[in-house]
């Protein structure tokens, strides 16, 4: 069975300090991997997991500069270039 799990991108999964939802997602993903399920975790690029990791942004939005936070993630900078020049 294939399972896709989406984690919030405010913090790394599992979080370094704060991040209750990211902690729950991490525990769920790791438990499903131990049960031999095909798990894909959609989270930040710096997340740590034994599941397949797919990321939309490289770092959590909580660590981005305030201007870049508005732009969703690093991969979408070109769409937000007017904001970054402010």
Foldseek 3Di string as FASTA:
>chain_A
DEEEEEAAQQAAQVHPPDDVRSPVSQVVQQVVVVVVYQYEYEYALVHDHPHHYDYPANHGLNPDDPLVSVQPHDVRCVVSVVSVVD
